[in-house]
Amino acid sequence: MITEPELVGGPDTGPRPEPPAAGERFRALARLPWVWALGGAVVASAVWAGGVHLVLGQGPDQRGYRLEHGACDDLRVPALAAEFGGRNAPADAASFHHDPALVTLECTLGLRPRAGARPGDTVVDVVTLSVEQHRKTDPGPEFAVRSRRAPLHAPGLADELPLSEVRGPADGAYYGSGATDGFGWARLAVLDGGVVLTLDVRPTVRPPEGADDGPLRAPDLSGVRQDVLTADMRSLMEQLKR
């Protein structure tokens, strides 16, 4: 059975005290340490949230890259040139697209044709550097998904070929290579802050004029080893930051 609350101290016969004023209540609360601790946590949370919002509002780190028209003109690939015998400037090509959210650059860097494994064969190496500068969103979460497979279209090769994660010159890297009759490929993809760079080398064997239509030998891929592409990628990254 629930009864009325029992009064302590006997019947109330005197005047009731006035409740404390609002100012007195505030001063009483202020003397409690947990109030200040709670207030400090709220302020700190607000400052932290504002800082995160400020950092996120700046977009991903661009690491000093300067992509512009004509950026391909002076690019060099010294490691590949040493392997294959130098540049062939007339084979160069370039494309550039600027958008506030994404800047893209593609450079085709010509190399001098070299002799193939079979007498009379010539190997033409097409070197392509593709750069994506993401200014609004971070490409990091998608980099691994996009880089694990290389889209290639050539006789005897699948539409996509696997790449493996390797130690690279920046935040992440994937490399792969392979060859079939008359055609080869090598790719190094690198993530550097908000910038994704991909260096492709595609050797193609050309038989001499008048040769029969027999199968071509696979090109030698020793010149497109991981260490060679990594050396040139490091050089290209520095060249694009000048």
C-alpha atoms as a PDB file:
ATOM      1  CA  MET A   1       0.000   0.000   0.000  1.00  0.00           C
ATOM      2  CA  ILE A   2       1.368   3.392  -1.005  1.00  0.00           C
ATOM      3  CA  THR A   3       1.002   6.037   1.722  1.00  0.00           C
ATOM      4  CA  GLU A   4       1.579   9.754   1.785  1.00  0.00           C
ATOM      5  CA  PRO A   5       5.252  10.733   2.234  1.00  0.00           C
ATOM      6  CA  GLU A   6       6.102  11.148   5.887  1.00  0.00           C
ATOM      7  CA  LEU A   7       7.173  14.609   7.003  1.00  0.00           C
ATOM      8  CA  VAL A   8      10.377  14.750   9.037  1.00  0.00           C
ATOM      9  CA  GLY A   9      10.528  17.204  11.934  1.00  0.00           C
ATOM     10  CA  GLY A  10       6.898  17.448  12.818  1.00  0.00           C
ATOM     11  CA  PRO A  11       4.209  19.682  11.493  1.00  0.00           C
ATOM     12  CA  ASP A  12       5.176  22.773   9.564  1.00  0.00           C
ATOM     13  CA  THR A  13       4.234  25.684  11.738  1.00  0.00           C
ATOM     14  CA  GLY A  14       6.770  28.358  10.604  1.00  0.00           C
ATOM     15  CA  PRO A  15       7.124  30.397   7.445  1.00  0.00           C
ATOM     16  CA  ARG A  16       8.547  28.651   4.368  1.00  0.00           C
ATOM     17  CA  PRO A  17      12.019  29.900   3.183  1.00  0.00           C
ATOM     18  CA  GLU A  18      12.125  31.738  -0.125  1.00  0.00           C
ATOM     19  CA  PRO A  19      13.713  29.766  -3.027  1.00  0.00           C
ATOM     20  CA  PRO A  20      17.222  30.957  -4.000  1.00  0.00           C
ATOM     21  CA  ALA A  21      17.415  33.536  -6.735  1.00  0.00           C
ATOM     22  CA  ALA A  22      18.544  32.515 -10.231  1.00  0.00           C
ATOM     23  CA  GLY A  23      21.958  34.089  -9.715  1.00  0.00           C
ATOM     24  CA  GLU A  24      22.552  32.150  -6.530  1.00  0.00           C
ATOM     25  CA  ARG A  25      21.549  28.871  -8.210  1.00  0.00           C
ATOM     26  CA  PHE A  26      24.038  29.522 -11.048  1.00  0.00           C
ATOM     27  CA  ARG A  27      26.836  30.276  -8.576  1.00  0.00           C
ATOM     28  CA  ALA A  28      26.058  27.083  -6.700  1.00  0.00           C
ATOM     29  CA  LEU A  29      26.212  25.017  -9.869  1.00  0.00           C
ATOM     30  CA  ALA A  30      29.408  26.737 -10.923  1.00  0.00           C
ATOM     31  CA  ARG A  31      31.125  25.432  -7.801  1.00  0.00           C
ATOM     32  CA  LEU A  32      30.527  21.821  -8.969  1.00  0.00           C
ATOM     33  CA  PRO A  33      33.575  20.557 -10.952  1.00  0.00           C
ATOM     34  CA  TRP A  34      31.562  18.315 -13.248  1.00  0.00           C
ATOM     35  CA  VAL A  35      29.730  21.301 -14.677  1.00  0.00           C
ATOM     36  CA  TRP A  36      32.960  22.838 -15.961  1.00  0.00           C
ATOM     37  CA  ALA A  37      34.208  19.481 -17.195  1.00  0.00           C
ATOM     38  CA  LEU A  38      31.013  18.993 -19.171  1.00  0.00           C
ATOM     39  CA  GLY A  39      31.161  22.518 -20.545  1.00  0.00           C
ATOM     40  CA  GLY A  40      34.798  22.066 -21.583  1.00  0.00           C
ATOM     41  CA  ALA A  41      33.959  18.828 -23.362  1.00  0.00           C
ATOM     42  CA  VAL A  42      31.147  20.507 -25.266  1.00  0.00           C
ATOM     43  CA  VAL A  43      33.394  23.403 -26.303  1.00  0.00           C
ATOM     44  CA  ALA A  44      36.234  21.063 -27.264  1.00  0.00           C
ATOM     45  CA  SER A  45      33.851  18.955 -29.345  1.00  0.00           C
ATOM     46  CA  ALA A  46      32.609  22.040 -31.133  1.00  0.00           C
ATOM     47  CA  VAL A  47      36.148  23.211 -31.876  1.00  0.00           C
ATOM     48  CA  TRP A  48      37.190  19.721 -33.064  1.00  0.00           C
ATOM     49  CA  ALA A  49      34.149  19.451 -35.325  1.00  0.00           C
ATOM     50  CA  GLY A  50      34.867  22.875 -36.769  1.00  0.00           C
ATOM     51  CA  GLY A  51      38.482  21.912 -37.427  1.00  0.00           C
ATOM     52  CA  VAL A  52      37.489  18.712 -39.162  1.00  0.00           C
ATOM     53  CA  HIS A  53      34.987  20.597 -41.272  1.00  0.00           C
ATOM     54  CA  LEU A  54      37.693  23.105 -42.240  1.00  0.00           C
ATOM     55  CA  VAL A  55      40.162  20.387 -43.206  1.00  0.00           C
ATOM     56  CA  LEU A  56      37.569  18.434 -45.141  1.00  0.00           C
ATOM     57  CA  GLY A  57      36.495  21.581 -46.931  1.00  0.00           C
ATOM     58  CA  GLN A  58      39.990  21.979 -48.382  1.00  0.00           C
ATOM     59  CA  GLY A  59      39.851  18.738 -50.381  1.00  0.00           C
ATOM     60  CA  PRO A  60      42.627  16.145 -50.633  1.00  0.00           C
ATOM     61  CA  ASP A  61      46.301  17.107 -50.413  1.00  0.00           C
ATOM     62  CA  GLN A  62      47.581  18.020 -53.894  1.00  0.00           C
ATOM     63  CA  ARG A  63      51.255  17.539 -52.916  1.00  0.00           C
ATOM     64  CA  GLY A  64      52.402  20.470 -55.042  1.00  0.00           C
ATOM     65  CA  TYR A  65      51.423  19.117 -58.482  1.00  0.00           C
ATOM     66  CA  ARG A  66      51.039  21.701 -61.231  1.00  0.00           C
ATOM     67  CA  LEU A  67      49.095  20.305 -64.179  1.00  0.00           C
ATOM     68  CA  GLU A  68      48.625  22.637 -67.125  1.00  0.00           C
ATOM     69  CA  HIS A  69      48.668  22.854 -70.908  1.00  0.00           C
ATOM     70  CA  GLY A  70      52.090  21.944 -72.234  1.00  0.00           C
ATOM     71  CA  ALA A  71      53.043  19.950 -69.136  1.00  0.00           C
ATOM     72  CA  CYS A  72      53.905  16.952 -71.337  1.00  0.00           C
ATOM     73  CA  ASP A  73      56.357  18.834 -73.519  1.00  0.00           C
ATOM     74  CA  ASP A  74      59.403  18.594 -71.290  1.00  0.00           C
ATOM     75  CA  LEU A  75      58.735  15.336 -69.464  1.00  0.00           C
ATOM     76  CA  ARG A  76      61.513  12.768 -69.522  1.00  0.00           C
ATOM     77  CA  VAL A  77      61.703   9.065 -68.701  1.00  0.00           C
ATOM     78  CA  PRO A  78      65.446   8.570 -68.145  1.00  0.00           C
ATOM     79  CA  ALA A  79      65.298   4.965 -66.900  1.00  0.00           C
ATOM     80  CA  LEU A  80      63.219   3.746 -69.863  1.00  0.00           C
ATOM     81  CA  ALA A  81      65.348   5.771 -72.280  1.00  0.00           C
ATOM     82  CA  ALA A  82      68.465   4.112 -70.888  1.00  0.00           C
ATOM     83  CA  GLU A  83      66.918   0.675 -71.420  1.00  0.00           C
ATOM     84  CA  PHE A  84      65.564   1.312 -74.919  1.00  0.00           C
ATOM     85  CA  GLY A  85      67.921   3.854 -76.416  1.00  0.00           C
ATOM     86  CA  GLY A  86      66.370   7.287 -76.010  1.00  0.00           C
ATOM     87  CA  ARG A  87      63.312   9.371 -76.838  1.00  0.00           C
ATOM     88  CA  ASN A  88      61.535   9.721 -80.163  1.00  0.00           C
ATOM     89  CA  ALA A  89      59.817  13.095 -79.883  1.00  0.00           C
ATOM     90  CA  PRO A  90      57.807  12.891 -83.147  1.00  0.00           C
ATOM     91  CA  ALA A  91      55.805  10.047 -81.576  1.00  0.00           C
ATOM     92  CA  ASP A  92      54.680  12.263 -78.671  1.00  0.00           C
ATOM     93  CA  ALA A  93      51.053  13.196 -78.045  1.00  0.00           C
ATOM     94  CA  ALA A  94      49.188  14.951 -75.244  1.00  0.00           C
ATOM     95  CA  SER A  95      45.728  15.767 -73.911  1.00  0.00           C
ATOM     96  CA  PHE A  96      44.684  18.031 -71.030  1.00  0.00           C
ATOM     97  CA  HIS A  97      41.336  18.722 -69.403  1.00  0.00           C
ATOM     98  CA  HIS A  98      40.690  21.132 -66.541  1.00  0.00           C
ATOM     99  CA  ASP A  99      37.651  21.046 -64.274  1.00  0.00           C
ATOM    100  CA  PRO A 100      37.277  22.538 -60.768  1.00  0.00           C
ATOM    101  CA  ALA A 101      36.813  19.043 -59.343  1.00  0.00           C
ATOM    102  CA  LEU A 102      39.145  17.005 -61.567  1.00  0.00           C
ATOM    103  CA  VAL A 103      42.149  17.841 -63.735  1.00  0.00           C
ATOM    104  CA  THR A 104      43.383  15.156 -66.128  1.00  0.00           C
ATOM    105  CA  LEU A 105      46.570  14.950 -68.143  1.00  0.00           C
ATOM    106  CA  GLU A 106      47.690  12.239 -70.568  1.00  0.00           C
ATOM    107  CA  CYS A 107      51.129  12.196 -72.152  1.00  0.00           C
ATOM    108  CA  THR A 108      52.349   9.772 -74.812  1.00  0.00           C
ATOM    109  CA  LEU A 109      56.139   9.760 -74.738  1.00  0.00           C
ATOM    110  CA  GLY A 110      57.770   8.275 -77.810  1.00  0.00           C
ATOM    111  CA  LEU A 111      60.777   5.978 -77.607  1.00  0.00           C
ATOM    112  CA  ARG A 112      63.062   4.958 -80.437  1.00  0.00           C
ATOM    113  CA  PRO A 113      62.172   1.626 -82.047  1.00  0.00           C
ATOM    114  CA  ARG A 114      64.451  -1.235 -81.031  1.00  0.00           C
ATOM    115  CA  ALA A 115      65.391  -4.594 -82.506  1.00  0.00           C
ATOM    116  CA  GLY A 116      63.221  -7.588 -81.720  1.00  0.00           C
ATOM    117  CA  ALA A 117      64.281 -11.097 -80.732  1.00  0.00           C
ATOM    118  CA  ARG A 118      63.944 -12.376 -84.307  1.00  0.00           C
ATOM    119  CA  PRO A 119      66.138 -10.851 -87.030  1.00  0.00           C
ATOM    120  CA  GLY A 120      64.236  -8.170 -88.900  1.00  0.00           C
ATOM    121  CA  ASP A 121      61.645  -7.610 -86.180  1.00  0.00           C
ATOM    122  CA  THR A 122      61.204  -4.135 -84.707  1.00  0.00           C
ATOM    123  CA  VAL A 123      59.741  -3.361 -81.298  1.00  0.00           C
ATOM    124  CA  VAL A 124      57.845  -0.108 -80.794  1.00  0.00           C
ATOM    125  CA  ASP A 125      57.356   0.893 -77.146  1.00  0.00           C
ATOM    126  CA  VAL A 126      54.399   3.166 -76.449  1.00  0.00           C
ATOM    127  CA  VAL A 127      54.830   4.941 -73.106  1.00  0.00           C
ATOM    128  CA  THR A 128      51.782   6.678 -71.655  1.00  0.00           C
ATOM    129  CA  LEU A 129      51.553   8.708 -68.465  1.00  0.00           C
ATOM    130  CA  SER A 130      48.026   9.392 -67.200  1.00  0.00           C
ATOM    131  CA  VAL A 131      47.458  11.782 -64.294  1.00  0.00           C
ATOM    132  CA  GLU A 132      44.235  12.490 -62.396  1.00  0.00           C
ATOM    133  CA  GLN A 133      44.264  15.404 -59.949  1.00  0.00           C
ATOM    134  CA  HIS A 134      41.232  15.044 -57.667  1.00  0.00           C
ATOM    135  CA  ARG A 135      40.525  18.447 -56.113  1.00  0.00           C
ATOM    136  CA  LYS A 136      37.258  17.806 -54.270  1.00  0.00           C
ATOM    137  CA  THR A 137      37.103  14.145 -53.267  1.00  0.00           C
ATOM    138  CA  ASP A 138      39.722  11.733 -51.956  1.00  0.00           C
ATOM    139  CA  PRO A 139      40.625   9.049 -54.542  1.00  0.00           C
ATOM    140  CA  GLY A 140      42.243   6.877 -51.858  1.00  0.00           C
ATOM    141  CA  PRO A 141      39.269   4.612 -51.012  1.00  0.00           C
ATOM    142  CA  GLU A 142      38.803   3.722 -54.694  1.00  0.00           C
ATOM    143  CA  PHE A 143      42.456   3.538 -55.677  1.00  0.00           C
ATOM    144  CA  ALA A 144      42.991  -0.125 -54.787  1.00  0.00           C
ATOM    145  CA  VAL A 145      39.760  -1.222 -56.471  1.00  0.00           C
ATOM    146  CA  ARG A 146      40.575   0.642 -59.669  1.00  0.00           C
ATOM    147  CA  SER A 147      44.248  -0.364 -59.725  1.00  0.00           C
ATOM    148  CA  ARG A 148      44.046  -4.113 -59.137  1.00  0.00           C
ATOM    149  CA  ARG A 149      43.166  -4.764 -62.773  1.00  0.00           C
ATOM    150  CA  ALA A 150      44.556  -3.182 -65.920  1.00  0.00           C
ATOM    151  CA  PRO A 151      42.161  -2.763 -68.867  1.00  0.00           C
ATOM    152  CA  LEU A 152      43.993  -3.942 -71.983  1.00  0.00           C
ATOM    153  CA  HIS A 153      42.765  -4.793 -75.438  1.00  0.00           C
ATOM    154  CA  ALA A 154      45.095  -6.882 -77.540  1.00  0.00           C
ATOM    155  CA  PRO A 155      44.990 -10.238 -79.356  1.00  0.00           C
ATOM    156  CA  GLY A 156      45.682 -13.093 -76.978  1.00  0.00           C
ATOM    157  CA  LEU A 157      45.170 -11.027 -73.829  1.00  0.00           C
ATOM    158  CA  ALA A 158      42.134 -10.836 -71.579  1.00  0.00           C
ATOM    159  CA  ASP A 159      40.225  -7.578 -71.334  1.00  0.00           C
ATOM    160  CA  GLU A 160      41.601  -7.038 -67.825  1.00  0.00           C
ATOM    161  CA  LEU A 161      44.811  -8.311 -66.296  1.00  0.00           C
ATOM    162  CA  PRO A 162      45.683  -8.413 -62.586  1.00  0.00           C
ATOM    163  CA  LEU A 163      48.185  -6.111 -60.901  1.00  0.00           C
ATOM    164  CA  SER A 164      49.846  -6.659 -57.527  1.00  0.00           C
ATOM    165  CA  GLU A 165      50.376  -4.196 -54.704  1.00  0.00           C
ATOM    166  CA  VAL A 166      54.031  -3.151 -54.415  1.00  0.00           C
ATOM    167  CA  ARG A 167      56.174  -0.711 -52.492  1.00  0.00           C
ATOM    168  CA  GLY A 168      55.918   2.548 -54.355  1.00  0.00           C
ATOM    169  CA  PRO A 169      57.169   6.108 -54.206  1.00  0.00           C
ATOM    170  CA  ALA A 170      54.078   7.509 -52.439  1.00  0.00           C
ATOM    171  CA  ASP A 171      50.924   6.423 -50.578  1.00  0.00           C
ATOM    172  CA  GLY A 172      50.297   3.244 -52.557  1.00  0.00           C
ATOM    173  CA  ALA A 173      51.287   1.478 -55.776  1.00  0.00           C
ATOM    174  CA  TYR A 174      50.299  -1.435 -58.028  1.00  0.00           C
ATOM    175  CA  TYR A 175      52.473  -3.055 -60.714  1.00  0.00           C
ATOM    176  CA  GLY A 176      52.017  -5.783 -63.292  1.00  0.00           C
ATOM    177  CA  SER A 177      53.428  -6.972 -66.616  1.00  0.00           C
ATOM    178  CA  GLY A 178      52.913  -9.696 -69.165  1.00  0.00           C
ATOM    179  CA  ALA A 179      53.382 -10.646 -72.793  1.00  0.00           C
ATOM    180  CA  THR A 180      51.860 -12.688 -75.567  1.00  0.00           C
ATOM    181  CA  ASP A 181      52.679 -13.196 -79.251  1.00  0.00           C
ATOM    182  CA  GLY A 182      53.797  -9.840 -80.589  1.00  0.00           C
ATOM    183  CA  PHE A 183      52.516  -7.771 -77.687  1.00  0.00           C
ATOM    184  CA  GLY A 184      53.514  -6.905 -74.111  1.00  0.00           C
ATOM    185  CA  TRP A 185      52.485  -4.560 -71.360  1.00  0.00           C
ATOM    186  CA  ALA A 186      53.657  -3.155 -68.047  1.00  0.00           C
ATOM    187  CA  ARG A 187      51.871  -0.787 -65.699  1.00  0.00           C
ATOM    188  CA  LEU A 188      52.688   1.069 -62.510  1.00  0.00           C
ATOM    189  CA  ALA A 189      49.842   2.942 -60.793  1.00  0.00           C
ATOM    190  CA  VAL A 190      50.640   5.283 -57.884  1.00  0.00           C
ATOM    191  CA  LEU A 191      48.544   7.226 -55.376  1.00  0.00           C
ATOM    192  CA  ASP A 192      50.084  10.467 -54.089  1.00  0.00           C
ATOM    193  CA  GLY A 193      47.634  12.413 -51.917  1.00  0.00           C
ATOM    194  CA  GLY A 194      44.783  13.494 -54.172  1.00  0.00           C
ATOM    195  CA  VAL A 195      46.689  12.602 -57.359  1.00  0.00           C
ATOM    196  CA  VAL A 196      46.653   9.256 -59.192  1.00  0.00           C
ATOM    197  CA  LEU A 197      49.417   8.590 -61.719  1.00  0.00           C
ATOM    198  CA  THR A 198      49.585   5.626 -64.103  1.00  0.00           C
ATOM    199  CA  LEU A 199      52.632   4.789 -66.214  1.00  0.00           C
ATOM    200  CA  ASP A 200      51.954   2.306 -69.037  1.00  0.00           C
ATOM    201  CA  VAL A 201      54.494   0.781 -71.407  1.00  0.00           C
ATOM    202  CA  ARG A 202      53.222  -1.331 -74.299  1.00  0.00           C
ATOM    203  CA  PRO A 203      55.862  -2.961 -76.495  1.00  0.00           C
ATOM    204  CA  THR A 204      54.568  -4.143 -79.877  1.00  0.00           C
ATOM    205  CA  VAL A 205      56.544  -6.335 -82.300  1.00  0.00           C
ATOM    206  CA  ARG A 206      56.435  -5.406 -85.985  1.00  0.00           C
ATOM    207  CA  PRO A 207      57.742  -7.914 -88.517  1.00  0.00           C
ATOM    208  CA  PRO A 208      59.763  -6.797 -91.533  1.00  0.00           C
ATOM    209  CA  GLU A 209      57.895  -5.920 -94.712  1.00  0.00           C
ATOM    210  CA  GLY A 210      57.028  -8.956 -96.783  1.00  0.00           C
ATOM    211  CA  ALA A 211      57.348 -11.380 -93.875  1.00  0.00           C
ATOM    212  CA  ASP A 212      54.898 -14.268 -93.635  1.00  0.00           C
ATOM    213  CA  ASP A 213      51.906 -14.134 -91.326  1.00  0.00           C
ATOM    214  CA  GLY A 214      53.344 -16.603 -88.818  1.00  0.00           C
ATOM    215  CA  PRO A 215      53.167 -15.998 -85.059  1.00  0.00           C
ATOM    216  CA  LEU A 216      55.282 -13.199 -83.661  1.00  0.00           C
ATOM    217  CA  ARG A 217      57.561 -13.653 -80.701  1.00  0.00           C
ATOM    218  CA  ALA A 218      56.670 -11.996 -77.426  1.00  0.00           C
ATOM    219  CA  PRO A 219      58.687  -8.830 -76.807  1.00  0.00           C
ATOM    220  CA  ASP A 220      61.408  -8.751 -74.196  1.00  0.00           C
ATOM    221  CA  LEU A 221      60.031  -7.182 -70.985  1.00  0.00           C
ATOM    222  CA  SER A 222      63.300  -6.862 -69.084  1.00  0.00           C
ATOM    223  CA  GLY A 223      63.359  -3.140 -69.849  1.00  0.00           C
ATOM    224  CA  VAL A 224      59.991  -2.542 -68.171  1.00  0.00           C
ATOM    225  CA  ARG A 225      60.788  -4.133 -64.819  1.00  0.00           C
ATOM    226  CA  GLN A 226      59.211  -2.763 -61.671  1.00  0.00           C
ATOM    227  CA  ASP A 227      62.409  -0.980 -60.620  1.00  0.00           C
ATOM    228  CA  VAL A 228      62.676   0.737 -64.024  1.00  0.00           C
ATOM    229  CA  LEU A 229      59.097   2.026 -63.952  1.00  0.00           C
ATOM    230  CA  THR A 230      59.427   3.055 -60.307  1.00  0.00           C
ATOM    231  CA  ALA A 231      62.546   5.091 -61.051  1.00  0.00           C
ATOM    232  CA  ASP A 232      60.836   6.924 -63.896  1.00  0.00           C
ATOM    233  CA  MET A 233      57.644   7.425 -61.881  1.00  0.00           C
ATOM    234  CA  ARG A 234      59.648   9.117 -59.133  1.00  0.00           C
ATOM    235  CA  SER A 235      61.259  11.348 -61.748  1.00  0.00           C
ATOM    236  CA  LEU A 236      57.929  12.203 -63.410  1.00  0.00           C
ATOM    237  CA  MET A 237      56.319  13.059 -60.081  1.00  0.00           C
ATOM    238  CA  GLU A 238      59.091  15.549 -59.350  1.00  0.00           C
ATOM    239  CA  GLN A 239      58.925  16.989 -62.874  1.00  0.00           C
ATOM    240  CA  LEU A 240      55.180  17.637 -62.500  1.00  0.00           C
ATOM    241  CA  LYS A 241      55.737  19.556 -59.254  1.00  0.00           C
ATOM    242  CA  ARG A 242      58.177  22.136 -60.651  1.00  0.00           C
END
